[in-house]
Amino acid sequence: MADPEPAVVARAIRVKGPWGPVYGPVDLDVDAGGVTALIHPAGTGRTALLLTLAGRMRAQSGTITVFGHSDARKIFEVSALANIDALDKIAESVTVADLITEQLRWDAPWYRFIGKAGASDLSALCATTFGDVPLPDMGAYFDQVGELNQVLLRIALANTGTPPLLVVGDLDGITDDNNRAVVLDRLIALGENQTVITASANPVPGAKAELKVSE
């Protein structure tokens, strides 16, 4: 049997800030498909590593390839990044309908008019991510839909293009154990068609691999 295709290969990647190391050097090998969990305490180092894996930040040294791409711009194109407050935090006063409408307009060609989203648009964008979890009401404000729906919405909106790599951060920020378990189940489902990388300070049940990241 052939070895699994590598999704991510990183060697001695490192980022430094004005006051010293942010992370690294880090070596990673992530096979394609399924869910891989990076085990490391929450903080700027872990966030910066996730940003690097998704092509939103460049490593200052070392090498990284994601599905054969080594340029950060190309890595950006084959990845989605969700649940990172610095990038996709949503205002509490925004409605679900507004979120879906904005995403449809963002994804559409510039010349195409996109009207206000309806229930069918919500289903089209979110059903794969939500699975059996009921979709939120279109008229609800983001702060009214509950923690589980908030996390799943952020993942669904980031993942509309279904790129090969989906990076999901801040599992530790999900305060309810049941909600965390449901999110993990949904990531495992998405991992049937994508490579999913997430991060946690603790073991992640259901992950195909857990890689301890040391600084």
C-alpha atoms as a PDB file:
ATOM      1  CA  MET A   1       0.000   0.000   0.000  1.00  0.00           C
ATOM      2  CA  ALA A   2       1.321   3.449  -0.923  1.00  0.00           C
ATOM      3  CA  ASP A   3       2.120   5.930   1.829  1.00  0.00           C
ATOM      4  CA  PRO A   4      -0.542   8.625   2.347  1.00  0.00           C
ATOM      5  CA  GLU A   5      -0.059  11.819   0.376  1.00  0.00           C
ATOM      6  CA  PRO A   6       1.506  14.525   2.566  1.00  0.00           C
ATOM      7  CA  ALA A   7      -0.704  17.566   3.050  1.00  0.00           C
ATOM      8  CA  VAL A   8       1.815  19.548   5.083  1.00  0.00           C
ATOM      9  CA  VAL A   9       5.555  19.128   5.416  1.00  0.00           C
ATOM     10  CA  ALA A  10       7.337  21.699   7.597  1.00  0.00           C
ATOM     11  CA  ARG A  11      10.958  21.707   8.631  1.00  0.00           C
ATOM     12  CA  ALA A  12      12.386  24.050  11.266  1.00  0.00           C
ATOM     13  CA  ILE A  13       9.815  26.777  10.614  1.00  0.00           C
ATOM     14  CA  ARG A  14      10.131  29.694  12.972  1.00  0.00           C
ATOM     15  CA  VAL A  15       8.699  33.151  13.607  1.00  0.00           C
ATOM     16  CA  LYS A  16      10.301  35.755  15.866  1.00  0.00           C
ATOM     17  CA  GLY A  17       8.771  38.950  17.190  1.00  0.00           C
ATOM     18  CA  PRO A  18      10.265  42.159  18.600  1.00  0.00           C
ATOM     19  CA  TRP A  19      10.542  40.570  22.056  1.00  0.00           C
ATOM     20  CA  GLY A  20      11.783  37.141  21.062  1.00  0.00           C
ATOM     21  CA  PRO A  21      10.539  33.847  19.605  1.00  0.00           C
ATOM     22  CA  VAL A  22       6.842  33.510  18.705  1.00  0.00           C
ATOM     23  CA  TYR A  23       7.139  29.836  17.799  1.00  0.00           C
ATOM     24  CA  GLY A  24       9.653  27.371  16.541  1.00  0.00           C
ATOM     25  CA  PRO A  25      11.631  25.821  15.258  1.00  0.00           C
ATOM     26  CA  VAL A  26       8.797  23.386  14.445  1.00  0.00           C
ATOM     27  CA  ASP A  27       8.825  20.229  12.320  1.00  0.00           C
ATOM     28  CA  LEU A  28       5.468  18.874  11.119  1.00  0.00           C
ATOM     29  CA  ASP A  29       4.261  16.085   8.850  1.00  0.00           C
ATOM     30  CA  VAL A  30       0.505  15.967   8.241  1.00  0.00           C
ATOM     31  CA  ASP A  31      -0.975  13.332   5.956  1.00  0.00           C
ATOM     32  CA  ALA A  32      -3.865  14.239   3.680  1.00  0.00           C
ATOM     33  CA  GLY A  33      -7.400  13.604   4.887  1.00  0.00           C
ATOM     34  CA  GLY A  34      -8.992  13.335   8.311  1.00  0.00           C
ATOM     35  CA  VAL A  35      -8.414  15.520  11.337  1.00  0.00           C
ATOM     36  CA  THR A  36      -4.978  16.208  12.793  1.00  0.00           C
ATOM     37  CA  ALA A  37      -4.713  17.960  16.160  1.00  0.00           C
ATOM     38  CA  LEU A  38      -1.730  20.056  17.172  1.00  0.00           C
ATOM     39  CA  ILE A  39      -1.336  19.772  20.938  1.00  0.00           C
ATOM     40  CA  HIS A  40       0.035  22.957  22.472  1.00  0.00           C
ATOM     41  CA  PRO A  41      -1.201  25.490  25.049  1.00  0.00           C
ATOM     42  CA  ALA A  42      -3.236  28.348  23.649  1.00  0.00           C
ATOM     43  CA  GLY A  43      -1.408  31.579  22.926  1.00  0.00           C
ATOM     44  CA  THR A  44       0.151  33.740  20.262  1.00  0.00           C
ATOM     45  CA  GLY A  45       2.650  31.058  19.270  1.00  0.00           C
ATOM     46  CA  ARG A  46      -0.022  28.487  18.497  1.00  0.00           C
ATOM     47  CA  THR A  47      -2.136  31.048  16.653  1.00  0.00           C
ATOM     48  CA  ALA A  48       0.843  32.177  14.578  1.00  0.00           C
ATOM     49  CA  LEU A  49       1.623  28.570  13.664  1.00  0.00           C
ATOM     50  CA  LEU A  50      -1.952  28.010  12.466  1.00  0.00           C
ATOM     51  CA  LEU A  51      -1.753  31.226  10.430  1.00  0.00           C
ATOM     52  CA  THR A  52       1.463  29.973   8.838  1.00  0.00           C
ATOM     53  CA  LEU A  53      -0.059  26.598   7.953  1.00  0.00           C
ATOM     54  CA  ALA A  54      -2.948  28.392   6.221  1.00  0.00           C
ATOM     55  CA  GLY A  55      -0.714  30.801   4.292  1.00  0.00           C
ATOM     56  CA  ARG A  56      -1.779  33.873   6.261  1.00  0.00           C
ATOM     57  CA  MET A  57       1.692  34.354   7.746  1.00  0.00           C
ATOM     58  CA  ARG A  58       5.157  33.615   6.388  1.00  0.00           C
ATOM     59  CA  ALA A  59       7.674  31.623   8.385  1.00  0.00           C
ATOM     60  CA  GLN A  60      10.825  33.685   8.816  1.00  0.00           C
ATOM     61  CA  SER A  61      13.034  30.626   8.471  1.00  0.00           C
ATOM     62  CA  GLY A  62      12.708  26.967   7.627  1.00  0.00           C
ATOM     63  CA  THR A  63      10.628  25.417   4.847  1.00  0.00           C
ATOM     64  CA  ILE A  64       6.968  24.522   4.498  1.00  0.00           C
ATOM     65  CA  THR A  65       4.931  22.953   1.713  1.00  0.00           C
ATOM     66  CA  VAL A  66       1.150  22.554   1.692  1.00  0.00           C
ATOM     67  CA  PHE A  67      -0.118  20.229  -1.017  1.00  0.00           C
ATOM     68  CA  GLY A  68       3.101  20.873  -2.887  1.00  0.00           C
ATOM     69  CA  HIS A  69       2.987  24.669  -2.563  1.00  0.00           C
ATOM     70  CA  SER A  70       5.762  26.527  -0.762  1.00  0.00           C
ATOM     71  CA  ASP A  71       4.768  30.125  -1.525  1.00  0.00           C
ATOM     72  CA  ALA A  72       2.467  31.628   1.139  1.00  0.00           C
ATOM     73  CA  ARG A  73       0.167  33.098  -1.521  1.00  0.00           C
ATOM     74  CA  LYS A  74      -0.345  29.681  -3.093  1.00  0.00           C
ATOM     75  CA  ILE A  75      -0.856  28.079   0.318  1.00  0.00           C
ATOM     76  CA  PHE A  76      -3.495  30.769   0.996  1.00  0.00           C
ATOM     77  CA  GLU A  77      -5.360  29.663  -2.141  1.00  0.00           C
ATOM     78  CA  VAL A  78      -5.590  26.000  -1.095  1.00  0.00           C
ATOM     79  CA  SER A  79      -6.607  26.599   2.514  1.00  0.00           C
ATOM     80  CA  ALA A  80      -9.382  27.990   4.671  1.00  0.00           C
ATOM     81  CA  LEU A  81      -8.948  29.351   8.186  1.00  0.00           C
ATOM     82  CA  ALA A  82     -11.714  29.529  10.783  1.00  0.00           C
ATOM     83  CA  ASN A  83     -12.342  30.304  14.441  1.00  0.00           C
ATOM     84  CA  ILE A  84      -9.368  32.622  14.885  1.00  0.00           C
ATOM     85  CA  ASP A  85     -10.601  35.753  16.651  1.00  0.00           C
ATOM     86  CA  ALA A  86      -7.903  37.936  15.152  1.00  0.00           C
ATOM     87  CA  LEU A  87      -9.292  37.181  11.672  1.00  0.00           C
ATOM     88  CA  ASP A  88     -12.928  36.081  11.727  1.00  0.00           C
ATOM     89  CA  LYS A  89     -14.476  37.304  14.973  1.00  0.00           C
ATOM     90  CA  ILE A  90     -18.082  38.290  14.274  1.00  0.00           C
ATOM     91  CA  ALA A  91     -19.877  41.257  15.830  1.00  0.00           C
ATOM     92  CA  GLU A  92     -22.666  40.201  18.179  1.00  0.00           C
ATOM     93  CA  SER A  93     -25.184  42.598  16.606  1.00  0.00           C
ATOM     94  CA  VAL A  94     -24.982  41.058  13.094  1.00  0.00           C
ATOM     95  CA  THR A  95     -27.843  38.808  12.003  1.00  0.00           C
ATOM     96  CA  VAL A  96     -27.420  35.378  10.453  1.00  0.00           C
ATOM     97  CA  ALA A  97     -29.074  36.688   7.267  1.00  0.00           C
ATOM     98  CA  ASP A  98     -26.521  39.496   7.059  1.00  0.00           C
ATOM     99  CA  LEU A  99     -23.641  37.052   7.510  1.00  0.00           C
ATOM    100  CA  ILE A 100     -24.887  34.765   4.744  1.00  0.00           C
ATOM    101  CA  THR A 101     -25.589  37.693   2.407  1.00  0.00           C
ATOM    102  CA  GLU A 102     -22.143  39.155   2.976  1.00  0.00           C
ATOM    103  CA  GLN A 103     -20.462  35.795   2.284  1.00  0.00           C
ATOM    104  CA  LEU A 104     -22.457  35.252  -0.908  1.00  0.00           C
ATOM    105  CA  ARG A 105     -21.416  38.697  -2.137  1.00  0.00           C
ATOM    106  CA  TRP A 106     -17.805  38.073  -1.198  1.00  0.00           C
ATOM    107  CA  ASP A 107     -17.754  34.786  -3.130  1.00  0.00           C
ATOM    108  CA  ALA A 108     -19.585  36.091  -6.212  1.00  0.00           C
ATOM    109  CA  PRO A 109     -17.972  37.780  -9.239  1.00  0.00           C
ATOM    110  CA  TRP A 110     -17.869  41.554  -8.855  1.00  0.00           C
ATOM    111  CA  TYR A 111     -20.398  42.108 -11.618  1.00  0.00           C
ATOM    112  CA  ARG A 112     -23.111  39.852 -10.216  1.00  0.00           C
ATOM    113  CA  PHE A 113     -25.871  41.366  -8.091  1.00  0.00           C
ATOM    114  CA  ILE A 114     -26.553  39.404  -4.927  1.00  0.00           C
ATOM    115  CA  GLY A 115     -29.754  40.206  -3.068  1.00  0.00           C
ATOM    116  CA  LYS A 116     -30.546  39.482   0.561  1.00  0.00           C
ATOM    117  CA  ALA A 117     -29.966  35.832   1.421  1.00  0.00           C
ATOM    118  CA  GLY A 118     -32.833  33.462   2.142  1.00  0.00           C
ATOM    119  CA  ALA A 119     -33.235  30.159   3.936  1.00  0.00           C
ATOM    120  CA  SER A 120     -32.107  28.184   0.875  1.00  0.00           C
ATOM    121  CA  ASP A 121     -28.843  30.142   0.820  1.00  0.00           C
ATOM    122  CA  LEU A 122     -28.280  29.371   4.498  1.00  0.00           C
ATOM    123  CA  SER A 123     -28.761  25.673   3.797  1.00  0.00           C
ATOM    124  CA  ALA A 124     -26.494  25.723   0.742  1.00  0.00           C
ATOM    125  CA  LEU A 125     -23.640  27.371   2.642  1.00  0.00           C
ATOM    126  CA  CYS A 126     -23.986  25.667   6.011  1.00  0.00           C
ATOM    127  CA  ALA A 127     -25.646  22.250   5.684  1.00  0.00           C
ATOM    128  CA  THR A 128     -22.419  20.331   5.075  1.00  0.00           C
ATOM    129  CA  THR A 129     -20.771  21.854   8.134  1.00  0.00           C
ATOM    130  CA  PHE A 130     -23.797  21.593  10.422  1.00  0.00           C
ATOM    131  CA  GLY A 131     -24.845  18.062   9.477  1.00  0.00           C
ATOM    132  CA  ASP A 132     -27.637  17.035  11.869  1.00  0.00           C
ATOM    133  CA  VAL A 133     -27.286  20.208  13.943  1.00  0.00           C
ATOM    134  CA  PRO A 134     -30.314  22.464  13.309  1.00  0.00           C
ATOM    135  CA  LEU A 135     -29.470  25.594  11.336  1.00  0.00           C
ATOM    136  CA  PRO A 136     -29.929  28.914  13.148  1.00  0.00           C
ATOM    137  CA  ASP A 137     -32.815  31.247  12.425  1.00  0.00           C
ATOM    138  CA  MET A 138     -32.028  33.761   9.699  1.00  0.00           C
ATOM    139  CA  GLY A 139     -33.357  36.652  11.766  1.00  0.00           C
ATOM    140  CA  ALA A 140     -31.341  35.816  14.879  1.00  0.00           C
ATOM    141  CA  TYR A 141     -28.438  37.970  15.946  1.00  0.00           C
ATOM    142  CA  PHE A 142     -25.091  36.235  16.173  1.00  0.00           C
ATOM    143  CA  ASP A 143     -25.002  36.526  19.967  1.00  0.00           C
ATOM    144  CA  GLN A 144     -28.404  34.805  20.176  1.00  0.00           C
ATOM    145  CA  VAL A 145     -27.606  31.580  18.323  1.00  0.00           C
ATOM    146  CA  GLY A 146     -25.531  29.939  21.050  1.00  0.00           C
ATOM    147  CA  GLU A 147     -21.929  28.827  21.282  1.00  0.00           C
ATOM    148  CA  LEU A 148     -22.257  25.731  19.088  1.00  0.00           C
ATOM    149  CA  ASN A 149     -23.933  27.536  16.209  1.00  0.00           C
ATOM    150  CA  GLN A 150     -21.475  30.412  16.472  1.00  0.00           C
ATOM    151  CA  VAL A 151     -18.484  28.109  15.989  1.00  0.00           C
ATOM    152  CA  LEU A 152     -20.119  26.107  13.195  1.00  0.00           C
ATOM    153  CA  LEU A 153     -21.163  29.301  11.405  1.00  0.00           C
ATOM    154  CA  ARG A 154     -17.602  30.601  11.486  1.00  0.00           C
ATOM    155  CA  ILE A 155     -16.336  27.326  10.038  1.00  0.00           C
ATOM    156  CA  ALA A 156     -19.030  27.201   7.351  1.00  0.00           C
ATOM    157  CA  LEU A 157     -18.442  30.797   6.236  1.00  0.00           C
ATOM    158  CA  ALA A 158     -14.678  30.279   6.018  1.00  0.00           C
ATOM    159  CA  ASN A 159     -15.059  27.004   4.139  1.00  0.00           C
ATOM    160  CA  THR A 160     -17.464  27.925   1.335  1.00  0.00           C
ATOM    161  CA  GLY A 161     -14.844  27.149  -1.308  1.00  0.00           C
ATOM    162  CA  THR A 162     -14.033  23.735   0.237  1.00  0.00           C
ATOM    163  CA  PRO A 163     -10.272  23.993  -0.351  1.00  0.00           C
ATOM    164  CA  PRO A 164      -8.022  20.978   0.282  1.00  0.00           C
ATOM    165  CA  LEU A 165      -6.931  22.279   3.705  1.00  0.00           C
ATOM    166  CA  LEU A 166      -9.180  23.548   6.498  1.00  0.00           C
ATOM    167  CA  VAL A 167      -7.467  24.990   9.580  1.00  0.00           C
ATOM    168  CA  VAL A 168      -9.678  25.500  12.647  1.00  0.00           C
ATOM    169  CA  GLY A 169      -8.374  27.207  15.769  1.00  0.00           C
ATOM    170  CA  ASP A 170      -9.317  27.716  19.394  1.00  0.00           C
ATOM    171  CA  LEU A 171     -11.038  24.476  20.347  1.00  0.00           C
ATOM    172  CA  ASP A 172     -10.083  25.411  23.901  1.00  0.00           C
ATOM    173  CA  GLY A 173     -12.363  28.420  23.610  1.00  0.00           C
ATOM    174  CA  ILE A 174     -15.453  26.191  23.349  1.00  0.00           C
ATOM    175  CA  THR A 175     -16.566  26.225  26.966  1.00  0.00           C
ATOM    176  CA  ASP A 176     -19.205  23.475  26.866  1.00  0.00           C
ATOM    177  CA  ASP A 177     -17.883  19.904  26.628  1.00  0.00           C
ATOM    178  CA  ASN A 178     -20.902  18.719  24.632  1.00  0.00           C
ATOM    179  CA  ASN A 179     -20.515  21.559  22.148  1.00  0.00           C
ATOM    180  CA  ARG A 180     -16.826  20.737  21.749  1.00  0.00           C
ATOM    181  CA  ALA A 181     -17.682  17.096  21.062  1.00  0.00           C
ATOM    182  CA  VAL A 182     -20.229  18.078  18.387  1.00  0.00           C
ATOM    183  CA  VAL A 183     -17.740  20.422  16.707  1.00  0.00           C
ATOM    184  CA  LEU A 184     -15.169  17.638  16.642  1.00  0.00           C
ATOM    185  CA  ASP A 185     -17.721  15.260  15.104  1.00  0.00           C
ATOM    186  CA  ARG A 186     -18.422  17.812  12.384  1.00  0.00           C
ATOM    187  CA  LEU A 187     -14.694  18.323  11.724  1.00  0.00           C
ATOM    188  CA  ILE A 188     -14.289  14.560  11.380  1.00  0.00           C
ATOM    189  CA  ALA A 189     -17.133  14.576   8.840  1.00  0.00           C
ATOM    190  CA  LEU A 190     -15.473  17.403   6.899  1.00  0.00           C
ATOM    191  CA  GLY A 191     -12.224  15.449   7.076  1.00  0.00           C
ATOM    192  CA  GLU A 192     -13.733  12.823   4.803  1.00  0.00           C
ATOM    193  CA  ASN A 193     -13.290  15.253   1.906  1.00  0.00           C
ATOM    194  CA  GLN A 194     -10.665  17.690   3.190  1.00  0.00           C
ATOM    195  CA  THR A 195      -7.585  17.731   5.370  1.00  0.00           C
ATOM    196  CA  VAL A 196      -8.496  19.346   8.675  1.00  0.00           C
ATOM    197  CA  ILE A 197      -5.934  20.702  11.129  1.00  0.00           C
ATOM    198  CA  THR A 198      -7.026  21.972  14.511  1.00  0.00           C
ATOM    199  CA  ALA A 199      -5.312  22.782  17.796  1.00  0.00           C
ATOM    200  CA  SER A 200      -5.909  22.154  21.453  1.00  0.00           C
ATOM    201  CA  ALA A 201      -4.067  22.128  24.748  1.00  0.00           C
ATOM    202  CA  ASN A 202      -5.546  18.692  25.471  1.00  0.00           C
ATOM    203  CA  PRO A 203      -5.997  15.425  23.538  1.00  0.00           C
ATOM    204  CA  VAL A 204      -8.688  15.525  20.837  1.00  0.00           C
ATOM    205  CA  PRO A 205     -10.890  12.411  20.686  1.00  0.00           C
ATOM    206  CA  GLY A 206     -11.428  11.237  17.121  1.00  0.00           C
ATOM    207  CA  ALA A 207      -8.372  12.926  15.621  1.00  0.00           C
ATOM    208  CA  LYS A 208      -6.423  10.593  13.345  1.00  0.00           C
ATOM    209  CA  ALA A 209      -3.168  12.051  14.627  1.00  0.00           C
ATOM    210  CA  GLU A 210      -2.069  14.249  17.493  1.00  0.00           C
ATOM    211  CA  LEU A 211       1.189  16.112  17.071  1.00  0.00           C
ATOM    212  CA  LYS A 212       2.721  17.672  20.153  1.00  0.00           C
ATOM    213  CA  VAL A 213       4.248  20.999  19.236  1.00  0.00           C
ATOM    214  CA  SER A 214       7.174  22.095  21.349  1.00  0.00           C
ATOM    215  CA  GLU A 215       8.778  25.518  21.276  1.00  0.00           C
END
